[in-house]
Amino acid sequence: MVNQKVSNQKGLTVKDLVTTGIFAALIWVTMLIGGLPFAPNPLLTFYMPLGGALLGGPVFLLLVAKVPKRGPISIVGILAGLIFFATGMHWAMDLGYVLGGLLGDLIAGTKKYRSVKLNIVAYICLCLGATGSYIAFFADPTAWNSLMLNGGTAQSYLDAMNGAAQGWMLPVILLGTVVVGAFSGFVGSKLLKKQFEKAGITA
């Protein structure tokens, strides 16, 4: 009942922004924990987006259930982009998270954030943000390596990464991120089924 009253209010309240900020931090932590086993290893770094997508689905869906309004998904994407920018990630990843959040917000908003399936699609869009750096890498390895080297990445790391890179990896990264994100969202939808019913969110 409370969620229904909140959703009827226009715009984001201070409480909505606080809730969004808390959940944005939690979602970023899940990305960090999931991606940590992969990112530091130049041979496994290509699979970081898959790891980053694994844990955040339930947290993301709970945020949308608590604040079913336009804005929070975009904010999560923008904050993730800013945090990863501050930590020295490639600009394409930072931009990817921002665009993923904006696109996810638009998609989930078409059903007023009441569709579990579209909310999961929104989460997948956010997760695909992490693939931006790898898209840039495969599109122009020379420019990518130069930028990362100037940003402080060790030459040995880049050499190992370039040696491991294969043309088939990009489709695997993209498709794998979609699959893992969908799985994480599906698990979240089952874990939070009662909360979704109370919030009026349907399949």
N, C-alpha and C. Protein backbone atom coordinates (compact mmCIF):
# COMPACT_ATOMS: atom_id res chain seq x y z
N MET A 1 0.82 -1.20 0.00
CA MET A 1 0.00 0.00 0.00
C MET A 1 0.86 1.25 0.00
N VAL A 2 1.92 1.22 0.80
CA VAL A 2 2.83 2.35 0.87
C VAL A 2 3.47 2.60 -0.48
N ASN A 3 3.92 1.48 -1.13
CA ASN A 3 4.56 1.60 -2.44
C ASN A 3 3.61 2.19 -3.48
N GLN A 4 2.32 1.83 -3.37
CA GLN A 4 1.34 2.35 -4.32
C GLN A 4 1.17 3.85 -4.12
N LYS A 5 1.18 4.32 -2.86
CA LYS A 5 1.05 5.75 -2.60
C LYS A 5 2.26 6.50 -3.12
N VAL A 6 3.46 5.90 -2.89
CA VAL A 6 4.68 6.54 -3.34
C VAL A 6 4.71 6.67 -4.85
N SER A 7 4.27 5.57 -5.53
CA SER A 7 4.32 5.56 -6.99
C SER A 7 3.36 6.58 -7.59
N ASN A 8 2.35 6.98 -6.83
CA ASN A 8 1.39 7.94 -7.33
C ASN A 8 1.89 9.37 -7.21
N GLN A 9 2.92 9.59 -6.39
CA GLN A 9 3.48 10.92 -6.26
C GLN A 9 4.31 11.23 -7.49
N LYS A 10 4.28 12.50 -7.91
CA LYS A 10 5.04 12.89 -9.09
C LYS A 10 6.45 13.27 -8.65
N GLY A 11 7.43 12.77 -9.41
CA GLY A 11 8.80 13.10 -9.10
C GLY A 11 9.35 12.29 -7.95
N LEU A 12 10.65 12.43 -7.76
CA LEU A 12 11.33 11.70 -6.70
C LEU A 12 11.36 12.53 -5.42
N THR A 13 10.97 11.91 -4.33
CA THR A 13 11.01 12.58 -3.03
C THR A 13 12.41 12.42 -2.44
N VAL A 14 12.65 13.11 -1.33
CA VAL A 14 13.93 12.97 -0.64
C VAL A 14 14.14 11.52 -0.20
N LYS A 15 13.07 10.90 0.28
CA LYS A 15 13.15 9.50 0.69
C LYS A 15 13.51 8.61 -0.50
N ASP A 16 12.92 8.89 -1.66
CA ASP A 16 13.23 8.12 -2.87
C ASP A 16 14.71 8.24 -3.21
N LEU A 17 15.24 9.45 -3.11
CA LEU A 17 16.65 9.68 -3.46
C LEU A 17 17.59 8.98 -2.48
N VAL A 18 17.22 9.00 -1.21
CA VAL A 18 18.03 8.30 -0.21
C VAL A 18 18.01 6.80 -0.47
N THR A 19 16.81 6.27 -0.73
CA THR A 19 16.68 4.84 -1.04
C THR A 19 17.48 4.48 -2.28
N THR A 20 17.38 5.32 -3.31
CA THR A 20 18.12 5.09 -4.54
C THR A 20 19.63 5.10 -4.29
N GLY A 21 20.08 6.04 -3.49
CA GLY A 21 21.50 6.13 -3.19
C GLY A 21 22.01 4.89 -2.48
N ILE A 22 21.24 4.40 -1.52
CA ILE A 22 21.63 3.20 -0.78
C ILE A 22 21.70 1.99 -1.70
N PHE A 23 20.66 1.83 -2.52
CA PHE A 23 20.63 0.67 -3.42
C PHE A 23 21.66 0.78 -4.53
N ALA A 24 21.94 2.02 -4.98
CA ALA A 24 22.98 2.21 -5.99
C ALA A 24 24.33 1.74 -5.45
N ALA A 25 24.58 2.07 -4.18
CA ALA A 25 25.84 1.62 -3.55
C ALA A 25 25.88 0.10 -3.46
N LEU A 26 24.76 -0.51 -3.09
CA LEU A 26 24.70 -1.96 -2.97
C LEU A 26 24.90 -2.64 -4.32
N ILE A 27 24.28 -2.08 -5.35
CA ILE A 27 24.41 -2.65 -6.70
C ILE A 27 25.86 -2.54 -7.16
N TRP A 28 26.50 -1.41 -6.89
CA TRP A 28 27.90 -1.24 -7.27
C TRP A 28 28.79 -2.25 -6.55
N VAL A 29 28.49 -2.49 -5.28
CA VAL A 29 29.26 -3.47 -4.51
C VAL A 29 29.11 -4.87 -5.12
N THR A 30 27.89 -5.21 -5.55
CA THR A 30 27.70 -6.53 -6.17
C THR A 30 28.49 -6.63 -7.48
N MET A 31 28.53 -5.53 -8.24
CA MET A 31 29.33 -5.51 -9.47
C MET A 31 30.80 -5.73 -9.15
N LEU A 32 31.26 -5.05 -8.10
CA LEU A 32 32.66 -5.14 -7.71
C LEU A 32 33.02 -6.54 -7.26
N ILE A 33 32.17 -7.10 -6.39
CA ILE A 33 32.44 -8.45 -5.88
C ILE A 33 32.41 -9.48 -7.01
N GLY A 34 31.41 -9.37 -7.88
CA GLY A 34 31.29 -10.32 -8.98
C GLY A 34 32.41 -10.20 -10.00
N GLY A 35 32.86 -8.98 -10.24
CA GLY A 35 33.89 -8.77 -11.25
C GLY A 35 35.31 -8.92 -10.75
N LEU A 36 35.48 -8.86 -9.42
CA LEU A 36 36.82 -8.88 -8.83
C LEU A 36 37.66 -10.11 -9.18
N PRO A 37 37.06 -11.31 -9.26
CA PRO A 37 37.88 -12.47 -9.63
C PRO A 37 38.42 -12.41 -11.06
N PHE A 38 37.85 -11.54 -11.91
CA PHE A 38 38.21 -11.52 -13.32
C PHE A 38 39.06 -10.30 -13.71
N ALA A 39 38.65 -9.11 -13.29
CA ALA A 39 39.28 -7.88 -13.76
C ALA A 39 40.79 -7.81 -13.54
N PRO A 40 41.32 -8.20 -12.39
CA PRO A 40 42.77 -8.06 -12.18
C PRO A 40 43.62 -9.02 -13.00
N ASN A 41 43.00 -10.06 -13.56
CA ASN A 41 43.73 -11.06 -14.31
C ASN A 41 43.61 -10.76 -15.81
N PRO A 42 44.73 -10.46 -16.49
CA PRO A 42 44.64 -10.09 -17.91
C PRO A 42 44.11 -11.20 -18.81
N LEU A 43 44.17 -12.44 -18.33
CA LEU A 43 43.65 -13.55 -19.13
C LEU A 43 42.16 -13.77 -18.93
N LEU A 44 41.64 -13.28 -17.80
CA LEU A 44 40.23 -13.47 -17.46
C LEU A 44 39.41 -12.18 -17.50
N THR A 45 40.09 -11.06 -17.70
CA THR A 45 39.41 -9.76 -17.61
C THR A 45 38.23 -9.62 -18.58
N PHE A 46 38.31 -10.36 -19.70
CA PHE A 46 37.23 -10.29 -20.70
C PHE A 46 35.89 -10.76 -20.13
N TYR A 47 35.92 -11.53 -19.09
CA TYR A 47 34.69 -12.08 -18.53
C TYR A 47 34.21 -11.31 -17.30
N MET A 48 34.83 -10.16 -17.05
CA MET A 48 34.42 -9.32 -15.94
C MET A 48 32.95 -8.89 -16.01
N PRO A 49 32.43 -8.50 -17.20
CA PRO A 49 31.01 -8.12 -17.26
C PRO A 49 30.07 -9.24 -16.83
N LEU A 50 30.44 -10.49 -17.12
CA LEU A 50 29.60 -11.62 -16.72
C LEU A 50 29.59 -11.74 -15.20
N GLY A 51 30.77 -11.64 -14.58
CA GLY A 51 30.84 -11.71 -13.13
C GLY A 51 30.12 -10.54 -12.47
N GLY A 52 30.26 -9.35 -13.07
CA GLY A 52 29.60 -8.18 -12.52
C GLY A 52 28.09 -8.25 -12.56
N ALA A 53 27.55 -9.04 -13.49
CA ALA A 53 26.09 -9.16 -13.64
C ALA A 53 25.47 -10.21 -12.74
N LEU A 54 26.30 -11.02 -12.09
CA LEU A 54 25.80 -12.22 -11.43
C LEU A 54 25.00 -11.95 -10.16
N LEU A 55 25.39 -11.00 -9.36
CA LEU A 55 24.84 -10.86 -8.01
C LEU A 55 23.81 -9.75 -7.83
N GLY A 56 23.76 -8.81 -8.75
CA GLY A 56 22.97 -7.61 -8.51
C GLY A 56 21.50 -7.66 -8.83
N GLY A 57 21.04 -8.72 -9.52
CA GLY A 57 19.65 -8.78 -9.94
C GLY A 57 18.64 -8.58 -8.83
N PRO A 58 18.73 -9.32 -7.72
CA PRO A 58 17.76 -9.14 -6.64
C PRO A 58 17.76 -7.73 -6.05
N VAL A 59 18.96 -7.15 -5.91
CA VAL A 59 19.06 -5.80 -5.34
C VAL A 59 18.43 -4.78 -6.29
N PHE A 60 18.72 -4.92 -7.58
CA PHE A 60 18.18 -4.02 -8.59
C PHE A 60 16.65 -4.09 -8.61
N LEU A 61 16.10 -5.29 -8.64
CA LEU A 61 14.65 -5.46 -8.71
C LEU A 61 13.97 -4.93 -7.45
N LEU A 62 14.62 -5.08 -6.31
CA LEU A 62 14.04 -4.56 -5.08
C LEU A 62 14.02 -3.04 -5.09
N LEU A 63 15.05 -2.42 -5.65
CA LEU A 63 15.05 -0.96 -5.79
C LEU A 63 13.87 -0.50 -6.63
N VAL A 64 13.66 -1.17 -7.77
CA VAL A 64 12.56 -0.77 -8.66
C VAL A 64 11.21 -0.97 -7.98
N ALA A 65 11.11 -2.02 -7.15
CA ALA A 65 9.86 -2.26 -6.42
C ALA A 65 9.61 -1.19 -5.37
N LYS A 66 10.67 -0.71 -4.74
CA LYS A 66 10.54 0.29 -3.69
C LYS A 66 10.34 1.69 -4.25
N VAL A 67 10.95 1.95 -5.40
CA VAL A 67 10.82 3.28 -6.02
C VAL A 67 10.45 3.09 -7.49
N PRO A 68 9.18 2.74 -7.76
CA PRO A 68 8.75 2.49 -9.14
C PRO A 68 8.45 3.78 -9.90
N LYS A 69 9.50 4.56 -10.10
CA LYS A 69 9.37 5.85 -10.78
C LYS A 69 10.49 6.02 -11.77
N ARG A 70 10.30 6.97 -12.68
CA ARG A 70 11.37 7.29 -13.61
C ARG A 70 12.49 8.01 -12.85
N GLY A 71 13.69 7.53 -13.02
CA GLY A 71 14.82 8.20 -12.40
C GLY A 71 15.82 7.29 -11.70
N PRO A 72 15.38 6.44 -10.76
CA PRO A 72 16.34 5.63 -10.01
C PRO A 72 17.26 4.75 -10.86
N ILE A 73 16.74 4.13 -11.91
CA ILE A 73 17.59 3.27 -12.74
C ILE A 73 18.64 4.12 -13.45
N SER A 74 18.23 5.28 -13.94
CA SER A 74 19.19 6.19 -14.57
C SER A 74 20.25 6.64 -13.58
N ILE A 75 19.82 6.95 -12.36
CA ILE A 75 20.76 7.39 -11.33
C ILE A 75 21.77 6.30 -11.02
N VAL A 76 21.31 5.06 -10.92
CA VAL A 76 22.22 3.94 -10.66
C VAL A 76 23.28 3.86 -11.76
N GLY A 77 22.85 3.98 -13.02
CA GLY A 77 23.80 3.92 -14.13
C GLY A 77 24.78 5.08 -14.12
N ILE A 78 24.28 6.27 -13.85
CA ILE A 78 25.15 7.45 -13.82
C ILE A 78 26.16 7.36 -12.69
N LEU A 79 25.70 6.96 -11.51
CA LEU A 79 26.61 6.84 -10.37
C LEU A 79 27.66 5.76 -10.62
N ALA A 80 27.24 4.63 -11.21
CA ALA A 80 28.20 3.56 -11.52
C ALA A 80 29.25 4.07 -12.50
N GLY A 81 28.80 4.81 -13.51
CA GLY A 81 29.74 5.38 -14.48
C GLY A 81 30.72 6.33 -13.84
N LEU A 82 30.22 7.18 -12.93
CA LEU A 82 31.09 8.14 -12.25
C LEU A 82 32.10 7.45 -11.35
N ILE A 83 31.64 6.42 -10.63
CA ILE A 83 32.54 5.70 -9.72
C ILE A 83 33.63 4.99 -10.50
N PHE A 84 33.25 4.31 -11.58
CA PHE A 84 34.25 3.61 -12.36
C PHE A 84 35.18 4.58 -13.08
N PHE A 85 34.67 5.75 -13.44
CA PHE A 85 35.53 6.79 -14.02
C PHE A 85 36.57 7.24 -13.00
N ALA A 86 36.11 7.43 -11.76
CA ALA A 86 37.01 7.87 -10.70
C ALA A 86 38.07 6.83 -10.38
N THR A 87 37.76 5.56 -10.63
CA THR A 87 38.71 4.49 -10.34
C THR A 87 39.60 4.15 -11.54
N GLY A 88 39.49 4.93 -12.61
CA GLY A 88 40.40 4.78 -13.74
C GLY A 88 39.97 3.81 -14.82
N MET A 89 38.69 3.44 -14.84
CA MET A 89 38.22 2.53 -15.89
C MET A 89 38.16 3.26 -17.24
N HIS A 90 38.15 2.50 -18.32
CA HIS A 90 38.09 3.07 -19.66
C HIS A 90 36.80 3.87 -19.83
N TRP A 91 36.89 4.98 -20.56
CA TRP A 91 35.73 5.86 -20.71
C TRP A 91 34.53 5.14 -21.33
N ALA A 92 34.78 4.12 -22.17
CA ALA A 92 33.68 3.42 -22.83
C ALA A 92 32.85 2.62 -21.82
N MET A 93 33.49 2.12 -20.77
CA MET A 93 32.75 1.45 -19.71
C MET A 93 31.92 2.45 -18.92
N ASP A 94 32.53 3.57 -18.60
CA ASP A 94 31.81 4.62 -17.85
C ASP A 94 30.57 5.08 -18.62
N LEU A 95 30.78 5.36 -19.91
CA LEU A 95 29.67 5.78 -20.76
C LEU A 95 28.65 4.66 -20.91
N GLY A 96 29.13 3.42 -20.98
CA GLY A 96 28.23 2.28 -21.13
C GLY A 96 27.26 2.16 -19.97
N TYR A 97 27.75 2.35 -18.75
CA TYR A 97 26.86 2.28 -17.59
C TYR A 97 25.82 3.40 -17.61
N VAL A 98 26.25 4.60 -18.00
CA VAL A 98 25.30 5.72 -18.07
C VAL A 98 24.21 5.43 -19.10
N LEU A 99 24.62 5.01 -20.29
CA LEU A 99 23.65 4.71 -21.35
C LEU A 99 22.77 3.51 -20.98
N GLY A 100 23.38 2.51 -20.33
CA GLY A 100 22.61 1.34 -19.91
C GLY A 100 21.55 1.70 -18.89
N GLY A 101 21.89 2.59 -17.96
CA GLY A 101 20.91 3.03 -16.98
C GLY A 101 19.78 3.82 -17.61
N LEU A 102 20.12 4.71 -18.53
CA LEU A 102 19.09 5.53 -19.20
C LEU A 102 18.16 4.65 -20.03
N LEU A 103 18.76 3.71 -20.79
CA LEU A 103 17.95 2.83 -21.63
C LEU A 103 17.08 1.91 -20.76
N GLY A 104 17.65 1.39 -19.69
CA GLY A 104 16.89 0.53 -18.78
C GLY A 104 15.70 1.27 -18.18
N ASP A 105 15.92 2.53 -17.84
CA ASP A 105 14.84 3.34 -17.28
C ASP A 105 13.70 3.50 -18.28
N LEU A 106 14.07 3.74 -19.53
CA LEU A 106 13.04 3.90 -20.58
C LEU A 106 12.26 2.60 -20.78
N ILE A 107 12.96 1.48 -20.80
CA ILE A 107 12.30 0.19 -21.04
C ILE A 107 11.37 -0.17 -19.89
N ALA A 108 11.88 -0.10 -18.67
CA ALA A 108 11.04 -0.44 -17.50
C ALA A 108 9.87 0.53 -17.37
N GLY A 109 10.09 1.78 -17.78
CA GLY A 109 9.05 2.80 -17.66
C GLY A 109 7.89 2.61 -18.60
N THR A 110 8.08 1.83 -19.66
CA THR A 110 6.97 1.62 -20.60
C THR A 110 5.80 0.89 -19.95
N LYS A 111 6.08 0.13 -18.91
CA LYS A 111 5.03 -0.56 -18.15
C LYS A 111 4.94 0.01 -16.72
N LYS A 112 5.43 1.24 -16.58
CA LYS A 112 5.39 1.95 -15.30
C LYS A 112 6.05 1.14 -14.18
N TYR A 113 7.11 0.42 -14.54
CA TYR A 113 7.95 -0.33 -13.59
C TYR A 113 7.17 -1.45 -12.89
N ARG A 114 6.07 -1.90 -13.51
CA ARG A 114 5.24 -2.93 -12.91
C ARG A 114 5.41 -4.30 -13.58
N SER A 115 6.30 -4.39 -14.54
CA SER A 115 6.52 -5.66 -15.24
C SER A 115 7.86 -6.25 -14.81
N VAL A 116 7.82 -7.43 -14.21
CA VAL A 116 9.05 -8.09 -13.79
C VAL A 116 9.96 -8.33 -14.99
N LYS A 117 9.39 -8.78 -16.09
CA LYS A 117 10.19 -9.09 -17.27
C LYS A 117 10.92 -7.86 -17.79
N LEU A 118 10.22 -6.75 -17.88
CA LEU A 118 10.86 -5.54 -18.38
C LEU A 118 11.86 -4.98 -17.37
N ASN A 119 11.60 -5.16 -16.09
CA ASN A 119 12.55 -4.72 -15.07
C ASN A 119 13.84 -5.54 -15.16
N ILE A 120 13.69 -6.82 -15.49
CA ILE A 120 14.88 -7.67 -15.69
C ILE A 120 15.64 -7.22 -16.94
N VAL A 121 14.90 -6.88 -17.99
CA VAL A 121 15.54 -6.36 -19.20
C VAL A 121 16.31 -5.07 -18.88
N ALA A 122 15.73 -4.25 -18.02
CA ALA A 122 16.40 -3.01 -17.60
C ALA A 122 17.70 -3.33 -16.88
N TYR A 123 17.68 -4.37 -16.05
CA TYR A 123 18.90 -4.77 -15.35
C TYR A 123 19.95 -5.26 -16.34
N ILE A 124 19.53 -6.00 -17.33
CA ILE A 124 20.45 -6.48 -18.36
C ILE A 124 21.10 -5.30 -19.08
N CYS A 125 20.31 -4.28 -19.39
CA CYS A 125 20.85 -3.08 -20.04
C CYS A 125 21.94 -2.45 -19.18
N LEU A 126 21.67 -2.36 -17.89
CA LEU A 126 22.67 -1.80 -16.98
C LEU A 126 23.94 -2.65 -16.99
N CYS A 127 23.79 -3.96 -16.92
CA CYS A 127 24.94 -4.87 -16.90
C CYS A 127 25.76 -4.76 -18.17
N LEU A 128 25.11 -4.54 -19.30
CA LEU A 128 25.82 -4.43 -20.57
C LEU A 128 26.73 -3.21 -20.60
N GLY A 129 26.51 -2.28 -19.68
CA GLY A 129 27.39 -1.12 -19.60
C GLY A 129 28.84 -1.51 -19.43
N ALA A 130 29.08 -2.59 -18.68
CA ALA A 130 30.45 -3.03 -18.43
C ALA A 130 31.14 -3.52 -19.69
N THR A 131 30.38 -3.86 -20.71
CA THR A 131 30.98 -4.37 -21.94
C THR A 131 31.53 -3.25 -22.81
N GLY A 132 31.22 -2.01 -22.47
CA GLY A 132 31.66 -0.88 -23.30
C GLY A 132 33.16 -0.86 -23.53
N SER A 133 33.92 -1.12 -22.46
CA SER A 133 35.38 -1.11 -22.57
C SER A 133 35.87 -2.18 -23.53
N TYR A 134 35.23 -3.34 -23.52
CA TYR A 134 35.68 -4.44 -24.37
C TYR A 134 35.25 -4.24 -25.81
N ILE A 135 34.11 -3.60 -26.00
CA ILE A 135 33.70 -3.23 -27.37
C ILE A 135 34.74 -2.28 -27.96
N ALA A 136 35.17 -1.30 -27.16
CA ALA A 136 36.18 -0.33 -27.61
C ALA A 136 37.51 -1.04 -27.88
N PHE A 137 37.83 -2.02 -27.03
CA PHE A 137 39.09 -2.77 -27.21
C PHE A 137 39.11 -3.50 -28.54
N PHE A 138 38.07 -4.25 -28.84
CA PHE A 138 38.05 -5.03 -30.07
C PHE A 138 37.86 -4.14 -31.30
N ALA A 139 37.25 -2.97 -31.12
CA ALA A 139 37.05 -2.05 -32.24
C ALA A 139 38.38 -1.39 -32.64
N ASP A 140 39.21 -1.05 -31.64
CA ASP A 140 40.49 -0.39 -31.92
C ASP A 140 41.47 -0.70 -30.80
N PRO A 141 42.10 -1.87 -30.86
CA PRO A 141 43.03 -2.28 -29.80
C PRO A 141 44.17 -1.30 -29.57
N THR A 142 44.69 -0.70 -30.65
CA THR A 142 45.82 0.22 -30.52
C THR A 142 45.45 1.44 -29.68
N ALA A 143 44.31 2.05 -30.00
CA ALA A 143 43.87 3.23 -29.25
C ALA A 143 43.53 2.86 -27.81
N TRP A 144 42.90 1.71 -27.63
CA TRP A 144 42.53 1.26 -26.28
C TRP A 144 43.77 1.05 -25.43
N ASN A 145 44.76 0.36 -25.97
CA ASN A 145 45.99 0.10 -25.23
C ASN A 145 46.73 1.39 -24.90
N SER A 146 46.76 2.31 -25.84
CA SER A 146 47.45 3.58 -25.62
C SER A 146 46.80 4.37 -24.48
N LEU A 147 45.47 4.40 -24.49
CA LEU A 147 44.75 5.13 -23.45
C LEU A 147 44.96 4.50 -22.08
N MET A 148 44.89 3.19 -22.01
CA MET A 148 45.04 2.50 -20.73
C MET A 148 46.48 2.60 -20.23
N LEU A 149 47.45 2.56 -21.13
CA LEU A 149 48.85 2.69 -20.74
C LEU A 149 49.11 4.08 -20.17
N ASN A 150 48.56 5.09 -20.81
CA ASN A 150 48.71 6.45 -20.31
C ASN A 150 47.99 6.65 -18.98
N GLY A 151 46.95 5.81 -18.76
CA GLY A 151 46.21 5.91 -17.51
C GLY A 151 46.85 5.16 -16.36
N GLY A 152 47.94 4.46 -16.62
CA GLY A 152 48.67 3.80 -15.54
C GLY A 152 48.63 2.28 -15.55
N THR A 153 47.96 1.68 -16.54
CA THR A 153 47.93 0.22 -16.62
C THR A 153 49.31 -0.30 -17.03
N ALA A 154 49.76 -1.34 -16.36
CA ALA A 154 51.09 -1.88 -16.63
C ALA A 154 51.18 -2.47 -18.03
N GLN A 155 52.33 -2.27 -18.68
CA GLN A 155 52.54 -2.80 -20.03
C GLN A 155 52.45 -4.32 -20.03
N SER A 156 52.93 -4.98 -18.98
CA SER A 156 52.88 -6.44 -18.89
C SER A 156 51.44 -6.94 -18.88
N TYR A 157 50.56 -6.19 -18.19
CA TYR A 157 49.13 -6.54 -18.15
C TYR A 157 48.54 -6.44 -19.56
N LEU A 158 48.85 -5.35 -20.25
CA LEU A 158 48.30 -5.14 -21.59
C LEU A 158 48.83 -6.17 -22.57
N ASP A 159 50.11 -6.51 -22.45
CA ASP A 159 50.69 -7.52 -23.34
C ASP A 159 49.99 -8.87 -23.16
N ALA A 160 49.78 -9.25 -21.90
CA ALA A 160 49.11 -10.52 -21.62
C ALA A 160 47.67 -10.51 -22.12
N MET A 161 47.00 -9.40 -21.93
CA MET A 161 45.61 -9.27 -22.37
C MET A 161 45.51 -9.36 -23.88
N ASN A 162 46.40 -8.66 -24.57
CA ASN A 162 46.38 -8.69 -26.03
C ASN A 162 46.71 -10.08 -26.56
N GLY A 163 47.59 -10.78 -25.87
CA GLY A 163 47.94 -12.13 -26.28
C GLY A 163 46.78 -13.11 -26.13
N ALA A 164 45.93 -12.84 -25.14
CA ALA A 164 44.80 -13.74 -24.87
C ALA A 164 43.57 -13.41 -25.71
N ALA A 165 43.53 -12.21 -26.26
CA ALA A 165 42.33 -11.76 -26.99
C ALA A 165 42.10 -12.59 -28.25
N GLN A 166 40.84 -13.00 -28.44
CA GLN A 166 40.44 -13.75 -29.62
C GLN A 166 39.18 -13.10 -30.20
N GLY A 167 39.02 -13.17 -31.50
CA GLY A 167 37.90 -12.52 -32.16
C GLY A 167 36.54 -12.99 -31.69
N TRP A 168 36.45 -14.25 -31.26
CA TRP A 168 35.16 -14.80 -30.85
C TRP A 168 34.73 -14.31 -29.46
N MET A 169 35.65 -13.65 -28.76
CA MET A 169 35.36 -13.29 -27.37
C MET A 169 34.28 -12.23 -27.22
N LEU A 170 34.24 -11.25 -28.12
CA LEU A 170 33.26 -10.17 -27.96
C LEU A 170 31.82 -10.68 -27.99
N PRO A 171 31.44 -11.53 -28.97
CA PRO A 171 30.07 -12.06 -28.92
C PRO A 171 29.79 -12.85 -27.65
N VAL A 172 30.80 -13.58 -27.16
CA VAL A 172 30.63 -14.33 -25.92
C VAL A 172 30.43 -13.40 -24.75
N ILE A 173 31.19 -12.31 -24.71
CA ILE A 173 31.05 -11.33 -23.63
C ILE A 173 29.65 -10.73 -23.63
N LEU A 174 29.18 -10.33 -24.80
CA LEU A 174 27.87 -9.69 -24.90
C LEU A 174 26.74 -10.67 -24.57
N LEU A 175 26.76 -11.82 -25.21
CA LEU A 175 25.70 -12.81 -24.97
C LEU A 175 25.78 -13.35 -23.55
N GLY A 176 26.98 -13.59 -23.08
CA GLY A 176 27.14 -14.11 -21.72
C GLY A 176 26.63 -13.15 -20.68
N THR A 177 26.86 -11.85 -20.88
CA THR A 177 26.37 -10.84 -19.94
C THR A 177 24.85 -10.82 -19.92
N VAL A 178 24.24 -10.94 -21.09
CA VAL A 178 22.78 -10.99 -21.18
C VAL A 178 22.24 -12.20 -20.42
N VAL A 179 22.85 -13.35 -20.64
CA VAL A 179 22.38 -14.59 -20.01
C VAL A 179 22.55 -14.52 -18.50
N VAL A 180 23.71 -14.10 -18.04
CA VAL A 180 23.96 -14.03 -16.59
C VAL A 180 23.06 -12.98 -15.94
N GLY A 181 22.89 -11.84 -16.60
CA GLY A 181 22.00 -10.81 -16.07
C GLY A 181 20.57 -11.29 -15.97
N ALA A 182 20.11 -12.02 -17.01
CA ALA A 182 18.76 -12.58 -17.00
C ALA A 182 18.60 -13.59 -15.87
N PHE A 183 19.64 -14.42 -15.68
CA PHE A 183 19.60 -15.42 -14.61
C PHE A 183 19.53 -14.75 -13.24
N SER A 184 20.35 -13.72 -13.04
CA SER A 184 20.35 -13.00 -11.77
C SER A 184 18.99 -12.35 -11.51
N GLY A 185 18.41 -11.77 -12.57
CA GLY A 185 17.10 -11.16 -12.43
C GLY A 185 16.02 -12.19 -12.14
N PHE A 186 16.11 -13.34 -12.81
CA PHE A 186 15.14 -14.41 -12.59
C PHE A 186 15.19 -14.89 -11.14
N VAL A 187 16.40 -15.11 -10.63
CA VAL A 187 16.55 -15.53 -9.24
C VAL A 187 15.96 -14.48 -8.31
N GLY A 188 16.24 -13.21 -8.61
CA GLY A 188 15.69 -12.13 -7.80
C GLY A 188 14.18 -12.09 -7.82
N SER A 189 13.59 -12.37 -8.99
CA SER A 189 12.13 -12.35 -9.10
C SER A 189 11.49 -13.44 -8.26
N LYS A 190 12.19 -14.57 -8.11
CA LYS A 190 11.66 -15.66 -7.29
C LYS A 190 11.86 -15.37 -5.80
N LEU A 191 13.01 -14.83 -5.46
CA LEU A 191 13.28 -14.52 -4.06
C LEU A 191 12.37 -13.43 -3.51
N LEU A 192 11.98 -12.50 -4.39
CA LEU A 192 11.23 -11.32 -3.95
C LEU A 192 9.78 -11.36 -4.42
N LYS A 193 9.27 -12.53 -4.71
CA LYS A 193 7.92 -12.66 -5.28
C LYS A 193 6.87 -12.00 -4.41
N LYS A 194 6.94 -12.20 -3.09
CA LYS A 194 5.94 -11.61 -2.19
C LYS A 194 6.01 -10.09 -2.19
N GLN A 195 7.24 -9.56 -2.18
CA GLN A 195 7.39 -8.11 -2.21
C GLN A 195 6.83 -7.51 -3.49
N PHE A 196 7.02 -8.22 -4.61
CA PHE A 196 6.51 -7.75 -5.89
C PHE A 196 4.99 -7.75 -5.91
N GLU A 197 4.39 -8.79 -5.35
CA GLU A 197 2.93 -8.86 -5.29
C GLU A 197 2.36 -7.70 -4.49
N LYS A 198 3.00 -7.37 -3.36
CA LYS A 198 2.54 -6.24 -2.55
C LYS A 198 2.66 -4.92 -3.30
N ALA A 199 3.70 -4.83 -4.14
CA ALA A 199 3.94 -3.58 -4.88
C ALA A 199 3.14 -3.52 -6.17
N GLY A 200 2.39 -4.58 -6.48
CA GLY A 200 1.59 -4.61 -7.69
C GLY A 200 2.38 -4.88 -8.95
N ILE A 201 3.55 -5.50 -8.79
CA ILE A 201 4.39 -5.83 -9.94
C ILE A 201 4.04 -7.23 -10.42
N THR A 202 3.82 -7.35 -11.72
CA THR A 202 3.39 -8.63 -12.30
C THR A 202 4.43 -9.12 -13.29
N ALA A 203 4.25 -10.36 -13.70
CA ALA A 203 5.16 -10.94 -14.69
C ALA A 203 5.03 -10.24 -16.03
